[in-house]
Amino acid sequence: MREEIAEGDFAQTLNMVDVWSGWTRTCSNQNKEASKWVREAIEKVKEDFLLIYEELILIRC
């Protein structure tokens, strides 16, 4: 049996969940080896979470 090796770039996803609100966010990255893309995606999601929390606080007040 011949082993096939996949080569090239593949889409990767980063999934984050806020347990308190149940809010989820999925970000796509070109590759998982470049930690730069993962860090950028995490920072973007953190900004989005803060916006959602601000909206939730305004709604509850």
PDB file of N, CA and C in Angstrom:
ATOM      1  N   MET A   1       0.841  -1.171   0.000  1.00  0.00           N
ATOM      2  CA  MET A   1       0.000   0.000   0.000  1.00  0.00           C
ATOM      3  C   MET A   1       0.898   1.250   0.000  1.00  0.00           C
ATOM      4  N   ARG A   2       0.653   2.137  -0.910  1.00  0.00           N
ATOM      5  CA  ARG A   2       1.456   3.354  -1.041  1.00  0.00           C
ATOM      6  C   ARG A   2       0.864   4.479  -0.186  1.00  0.00           C
ATOM      7  N   GLU A   3       1.725   5.114   0.600  1.00  0.00           N
ATOM      8  CA  GLU A   3       1.272   6.222   1.446  1.00  0.00           C
ATOM      9  C   GLU A   3       1.303   7.516   0.651  1.00  0.00           C
ATOM     10  N   GLU A   4       0.173   8.218   0.617  1.00  0.00           N
ATOM     11  CA  GLU A   4       0.106   9.494  -0.085  1.00  0.00           C
ATOM     12  C   GLU A   4       0.294  10.630   0.911  1.00  0.00           C
ATOM     13  N   ILE A   5       1.045  11.630   0.496  1.00  0.00           N
ATOM     14  CA  ILE A   5       1.319  12.780   1.340  1.00  0.00           C
ATOM     15  C   ILE A   5       0.681  14.012   0.710  1.00  0.00           C
ATOM     16  N   ALA A   6      -0.162  14.675   1.480  1.00  0.00           N
ATOM     17  CA  ALA A   6      -0.807  15.898   0.997  1.00  0.00           C
ATOM     18  C   ALA A   6       0.173  17.055   1.137  1.00  0.00           C
ATOM     19  N   GLU A   7       0.249  17.873   0.115  1.00  0.00           N
ATOM     20  CA  GLU A   7       1.151  19.017   0.137  1.00  0.00           C
ATOM     21  C   GLU A   7       0.381  20.286  -0.206  1.00  0.00           C
ATOM     22  N   GLY A   8       0.916  21.410   0.214  1.00  0.00           N
ATOM     23  CA  GLY A   8       0.309  22.687  -0.109  1.00  0.00           C
ATOM     24  C   GLY A   8      -0.319  23.347   1.101  1.00  0.00           C
ATOM     25  N   ASP A   9      -1.006  24.452   0.843  1.00  0.00           N
ATOM     26  CA  ASP A   9      -1.682  25.184   1.907  1.00  0.00           C
ATOM     27  C   ASP A   9      -3.100  24.657   2.076  1.00  0.00           C
ATOM     28  N   PHE A  10      -3.527  24.578   3.315  1.00  0.00           N
ATOM     29  CA  PHE A  10      -4.869  24.115   3.632  1.00  0.00           C
ATOM     30  C   PHE A  10      -5.528  25.115   4.556  1.00  0.00           C
ATOM     31  N   ALA A  11      -6.809  25.272   4.421  1.00  0.00           N
ATOM     32  CA  ALA A  11      -7.538  26.185   5.307  1.00  0.00           C
ATOM     33  C   ALA A  11      -7.590  25.578   6.704  1.00  0.00           C
ATOM     34  N   GLN A  12      -7.322  26.393   7.683  1.00  0.00           N
ATOM     35  CA  GLN A  12      -7.388  25.988   9.085  1.00  0.00           C
ATOM     36  C   GLN A  12      -8.398  26.899   9.770  1.00  0.00           C
ATOM     37  N   THR A  13      -9.039  26.402  10.806  1.00  0.00           N
ATOM     38  CA  THR A  13      -9.973  27.248  11.545  1.00  0.00           C
ATOM     39  C   THR A  13      -9.565  27.338  13.004  1.00  0.00           C
ATOM     40  N   LEU A  14      -9.860  28.468  13.578  1.00  0.00           N
ATOM     41  CA  LEU A  14      -9.667  28.700  15.002  1.00  0.00           C
ATOM     42  C   LEU A  14     -11.050  28.945  15.569  1.00  0.00           C
ATOM     43  N   ASN A  15     -11.487  28.096  16.480  1.00  0.00           N
ATOM     44  CA  ASN A  15     -12.812  28.208  17.075  1.00  0.00           C
ATOM     45  C   ASN A  15     -12.682  28.655  18.521  1.00  0.00           C
ATOM     46  N   MET A  16     -13.427  29.680  18.878  1.00  0.00           N
ATOM     47  CA  MET A  16     -13.418  30.181  20.246  1.00  0.00           C
ATOM     48  C   MET A  16     -14.853  30.258  20.752  1.00  0.00           C
ATOM     49  N   VAL A  17     -15.041  29.918  22.027  1.00  0.00           N
ATOM     50  CA  VAL A  17     -16.373  29.921  22.631  1.00  0.00           C
ATOM     51  C   VAL A  17     -16.319  30.681  23.947  1.00  0.00           C
ATOM     52  N   ASP A  18     -17.284  31.560  24.156  1.00  0.00           N
ATOM     53  CA  ASP A  18     -17.455  32.213  25.444  1.00  0.00           C
ATOM     54  C   ASP A  18     -18.459  31.376  26.223  1.00  0.00           C
ATOM     55  N   VAL A  19     -18.003  30.735  27.272  1.00  0.00           N
ATOM     56  CA  VAL A  19     -18.845  29.806  28.027  1.00  0.00           C
ATOM     57  C   VAL A  19     -20.007  30.530  28.702  1.00  0.00           C
ATOM     58  N   TRP A  20     -19.779  31.747  29.177  1.00  0.00           N
ATOM     59  CA  TRP A  20     -20.819  32.484  29.886  1.00  0.00           C
ATOM     60  C   TRP A  20     -22.008  32.808  28.987  1.00  0.00           C
ATOM     61  N   SER A  21     -21.726  33.324  27.787  1.00  0.00           N
ATOM     62  CA  SER A  21     -22.820  33.750  26.910  1.00  0.00           C
ATOM     63  C   SER A  21     -23.197  32.695  25.861  1.00  0.00           C
ATOM     64  N   GLY A  22     -22.301  31.729  25.631  1.00  0.00           N
ATOM     65  CA  GLY A  22     -22.549  30.739  24.589  1.00  0.00           C
ATOM     66  C   GLY A  22     -22.191  31.235  23.194  1.00  0.00           C
ATOM     67  N   TRP A  23     -21.636  32.439  23.123  1.00  0.00           N
ATOM     68  CA  TRP A  23     -21.269  33.038  21.848  1.00  0.00           C
ATOM     69  C   TRP A  23     -20.051  32.329  21.294  1.00  0.00           C
ATOM     70  N   THR A  24     -20.095  32.002  20.013  1.00  0.00           N
ATOM     71  CA  THR A  24     -18.967  31.327  19.378  1.00  0.00           C
ATOM     72  C   THR A  24     -18.455  32.161  18.211  1.00  0.00           C
ATOM     73  N   ARG A  25     -17.195  31.962  17.897  1.00  0.00           N
ATOM     74  CA  ARG A  25     -16.574  32.672  16.777  1.00  0.00           C
ATOM     75  C   ARG A  25     -15.604  31.721  16.099  1.00  0.00           C
ATOM     76  N   THR A  26     -15.690  31.639  14.800  1.00  0.00           N
ATOM     77  CA  THR A  26     -14.771  30.825  14.013  1.00  0.00           C
ATOM     78  C   THR A  26     -14.017  31.734  13.055  1.00  0.00           C
ATOM     79  N   CYS A  27     -12.705  31.617  13.061  1.00  0.00           N
ATOM     80  CA  CYS A  27     -11.858  32.396  12.171  1.00  0.00           C
ATOM     81  C   CYS A  27     -11.073  31.429  11.292  1.00  0.00           C
ATOM     82  N   SER A  28     -10.903  31.803  10.044  1.00  0.00           N
ATOM     83  CA  SER A  28     -10.111  30.950   9.162  1.00  0.00           C
ATOM     84  C   SER A  28      -8.694  31.491   9.062  1.00  0.00           C
ATOM     85  N   ASN A  29      -7.758  30.582   8.953  1.00  0.00           N
ATOM     86  CA  ASN A  29      -6.346  30.923   8.805  1.00  0.00           C
ATOM     87  C   ASN A  29      -5.788  30.119   7.640  1.00  0.00           C
ATOM     88  N   GLN A  30      -4.817  30.692   6.962  1.00  0.00           N
ATOM     89  CA  GLN A  30      -4.238  29.996   5.814  1.00  0.00           C
ATOM     90  C   GLN A  30      -3.457  28.763   6.249  1.00  0.00           C
ATOM     91  N   ASN A  31      -2.711  28.892   7.318  1.00  0.00           N
ATOM     92  CA  ASN A  31      -1.998  27.720   7.818  1.00  0.00           C
ATOM     93  C   ASN A  31      -1.794  27.847   9.314  1.00  0.00           C
ATOM     94  N   LYS A  32      -1.690  26.707   9.986  1.00  0.00           N
ATOM     95  CA  LYS A  32      -1.568  26.736  11.440  1.00  0.00           C
ATOM     96  C   LYS A  32      -0.130  26.874  11.905  1.00  0.00           C
ATOM     97  N   GLU A  33       0.813  26.767  10.999  1.00  0.00           N
ATOM     98  CA  GLU A  33       2.214  26.871  11.384  1.00  0.00           C
ATOM     99  C   GLU A  33       2.627  28.312  11.665  1.00  0.00           C
ATOM    100  N   ALA A  34       1.967  29.262  11.047  1.00  0.00           N
ATOM    101  CA  ALA A  34       2.327  30.667  11.229  1.00  0.00           C
ATOM    102  C   ALA A  34       1.587  31.212  12.444  1.00  0.00           C
ATOM    103  N   SER A  35       2.256  31.246  13.575  1.00  0.00           N
ATOM    104  CA  SER A  35       1.605  31.701  14.802  1.00  0.00           C
ATOM    105  C   SER A  35       1.173  33.159  14.699  1.00  0.00           C
ATOM    106  N   LYS A  36       1.765  33.891  13.777  1.00  0.00           N
ATOM    107  CA  LYS A  36       1.365  35.286  13.561  1.00  0.00           C
ATOM    108  C   LYS A  36      -0.120  35.368  13.238  1.00  0.00           C
ATOM    109  N   TRP A  37      -0.609  34.493  12.353  1.00  0.00           N
ATOM    110  CA  TRP A  37      -2.017  34.523  11.949  1.00  0.00           C
ATOM    111  C   TRP A  37      -2.922  34.136  13.104  1.00  0.00           C
ATOM    112  N   VAL A  38      -2.481  33.187  13.901  1.00  0.00           N
ATOM    113  CA  VAL A  38      -3.289  32.755  15.043  1.00  0.00           C
ATOM    114  C   VAL A  38      -3.389  33.881  16.063  1.00  0.00           C
ATOM    115  N   ARG A  39      -2.273  34.548  16.358  1.00  0.00           N
ATOM    116  CA  ARG A  39      -2.302  35.661  17.303  1.00  0.00           C
ATOM    117  C   ARG A  39      -3.203  36.788  16.810  1.00  0.00           C
ATOM    118  N   GLU A  40      -3.119  37.112  15.512  1.00  0.00           N
ATOM    119  CA  GLU A  40      -3.979  38.159  14.957  1.00  0.00           C
ATOM    120  C   GLU A  40      -5.452  37.786  15.067  1.00  0.00           C
ATOM    121  N   ALA A  41      -5.772  36.529  14.797  1.00  0.00           N
ATOM    122  CA  ALA A  41      -7.165  36.077  14.886  1.00  0.00           C
ATOM    123  C   ALA A  41      -7.666  36.156  16.322  1.00  0.00           C
ATOM    124  N   ILE A  42      -6.825  35.784  17.285  1.00  0.00           N
ATOM    125  CA  ILE A  42      -7.217  35.850  18.694  1.00  0.00           C
ATOM    126  C   ILE A  42      -7.480  37.293  19.105  1.00  0.00           C
ATOM    127  N   GLU A  43      -6.624  38.206  18.700  1.00  0.00           N
ATOM    128  CA  GLU A  43      -6.829  39.619  19.036  1.00  0.00           C
ATOM    129  C   GLU A  43      -8.126  40.149  18.438  1.00  0.00           C
ATOM    130  N   LYS A  44      -8.432  39.764  17.203  1.00  0.00           N
ATOM    131  CA  LYS A  44      -9.665  40.191  16.549  1.00  0.00           C
ATOM    132  C   LYS A  44     -10.885  39.649  17.297  1.00  0.00           C
ATOM    133  N   VAL A  45     -10.821  38.388  17.697  1.00  0.00           N
ATOM    134  CA  VAL A  45     -11.942  37.787  18.419  1.00  0.00           C
ATOM    135  C   VAL A  45     -12.113  38.444  19.784  1.00  0.00           C
ATOM    136  N   LYS A  46     -11.017  38.771  20.450  1.00  0.00           N
ATOM    137  CA  LYS A  46     -11.110  39.465  21.736  1.00  0.00           C
ATOM    138  C   LYS A  46     -11.828  40.800  21.578  1.00  0.00           C
ATOM    139  N   GLU A  47     -11.520  41.528  20.516  1.00  0.00           N
ATOM    140  CA  GLU A  47     -12.207  42.796  20.254  1.00  0.00           C
ATOM    141  C   GLU A  47     -13.703  42.564  20.041  1.00  0.00           C
ATOM    142  N   ASP A  48     -14.034  41.523  19.281  1.00  0.00           N
ATOM    143  CA  ASP A  48     -15.444  41.205  19.027  1.00  0.00           C
ATOM    144  C   ASP A  48     -16.172  40.839  20.321  1.00  0.00           C
ATOM    145  N   PHE A  49     -15.517  40.039  21.191  1.00  0.00           N
ATOM    146  CA  PHE A  49     -16.118  39.670  22.467  1.00  0.00           C
ATOM    147  C   PHE A  49     -16.415  40.919  23.297  1.00  0.00           C
ATOM    148  N   LEU A  50     -15.476  41.863  23.325  1.00  0.00           N
ATOM    149  CA  LEU A  50     -15.686  43.084  24.101  1.00  0.00           C
ATOM    150  C   LEU A  50     -16.877  43.872  23.582  1.00  0.00           C
ATOM    151  N   LEU A  51     -17.036  43.939  22.272  1.00  0.00           N
ATOM    152  CA  LEU A  51     -18.188  44.633  21.699  1.00  0.00           C
ATOM    153  C   LEU A  51     -19.496  43.945  22.085  1.00  0.00           C
ATOM    154  N   ILE A  52     -19.511  42.635  22.042  1.00  0.00           N
ATOM    155  CA  ILE A  52     -20.715  41.882  22.417  1.00  0.00           C
ATOM    156  C   ILE A  52     -21.047  42.116  23.880  1.00  0.00           C
ATOM    157  N   TYR A  53     -20.043  42.066  24.761  1.00  0.00           N
ATOM    158  CA  TYR A  53     -20.294  42.312  26.181  1.00  0.00           C
ATOM    159  C   TYR A  53     -20.841  43.709  26.416  1.00  0.00           C
ATOM    160  N   GLU A  54     -20.293  44.703  25.736  1.00  0.00           N
ATOM    161  CA  GLU A  54     -20.799  46.066  25.885  1.00  0.00           C
ATOM    162  C   GLU A  54     -22.268  46.137  25.482  1.00  0.00           C
ATOM    163  N   GLU A  55     -22.635  45.461  24.393  1.00  0.00           N
ATOM    164  CA  GLU A  55     -24.031  45.452  23.953  1.00  0.00           C
ATOM    165  C   GLU A  55     -24.921  44.746  24.970  1.00  0.00           C
ATOM    166  N   LEU A  56     -24.435  43.630  25.521  1.00  0.00           N
ATOM    167  CA  LEU A  56     -25.232  42.895  26.522  1.00  0.00           C
ATOM    168  C   LEU A  56     -25.451  43.743  27.769  1.00  0.00           C
ATOM    169  N   ILE A  57     -24.422  44.462  28.187  1.00  0.00           N
ATOM    170  CA  ILE A  57     -24.550  45.303  29.369  1.00  0.00           C
ATOM    171  C   ILE A  57     -25.552  46.421  29.117  1.00  0.00           C
ATOM    172  N   LEU A  58     -25.509  47.035  27.925  1.00  0.00           N
ATOM    173  CA  LEU A  58     -26.465  48.108  27.610  1.00  0.00           C
ATOM    174  C   LEU A  58     -27.886  47.590  27.569  1.00  0.00           C
ATOM    175  N   ILE A  59     -28.071  46.373  27.051  1.00  0.00           N
ATOM    176  CA  ILE A  59     -29.414  45.795  26.952  1.00  0.00           C
ATOM    177  C   ILE A  59     -29.967  45.513  28.348  1.00  0.00           C
ATOM    178  N   ARG A  60     -29.128  45.045  29.250  1.00  0.00           N
ATOM    179  CA  ARG A  60     -29.590  44.672  30.601  1.00  0.00           C
ATOM    180  C   ARG A  60     -29.834  45.877  31.491  1.00  0.00           C
ATOM    181  N   CYS A  61     -29.286  47.040  31.144  1.00  0.00           N
ATOM    182  CA  CYS A  61     -29.470  48.229  31.996  1.00  0.00           C
ATOM    183  C   CYS A  61     -30.758  48.952  31.684  1.00  0.00           C
TER     184      CYS A  61
END
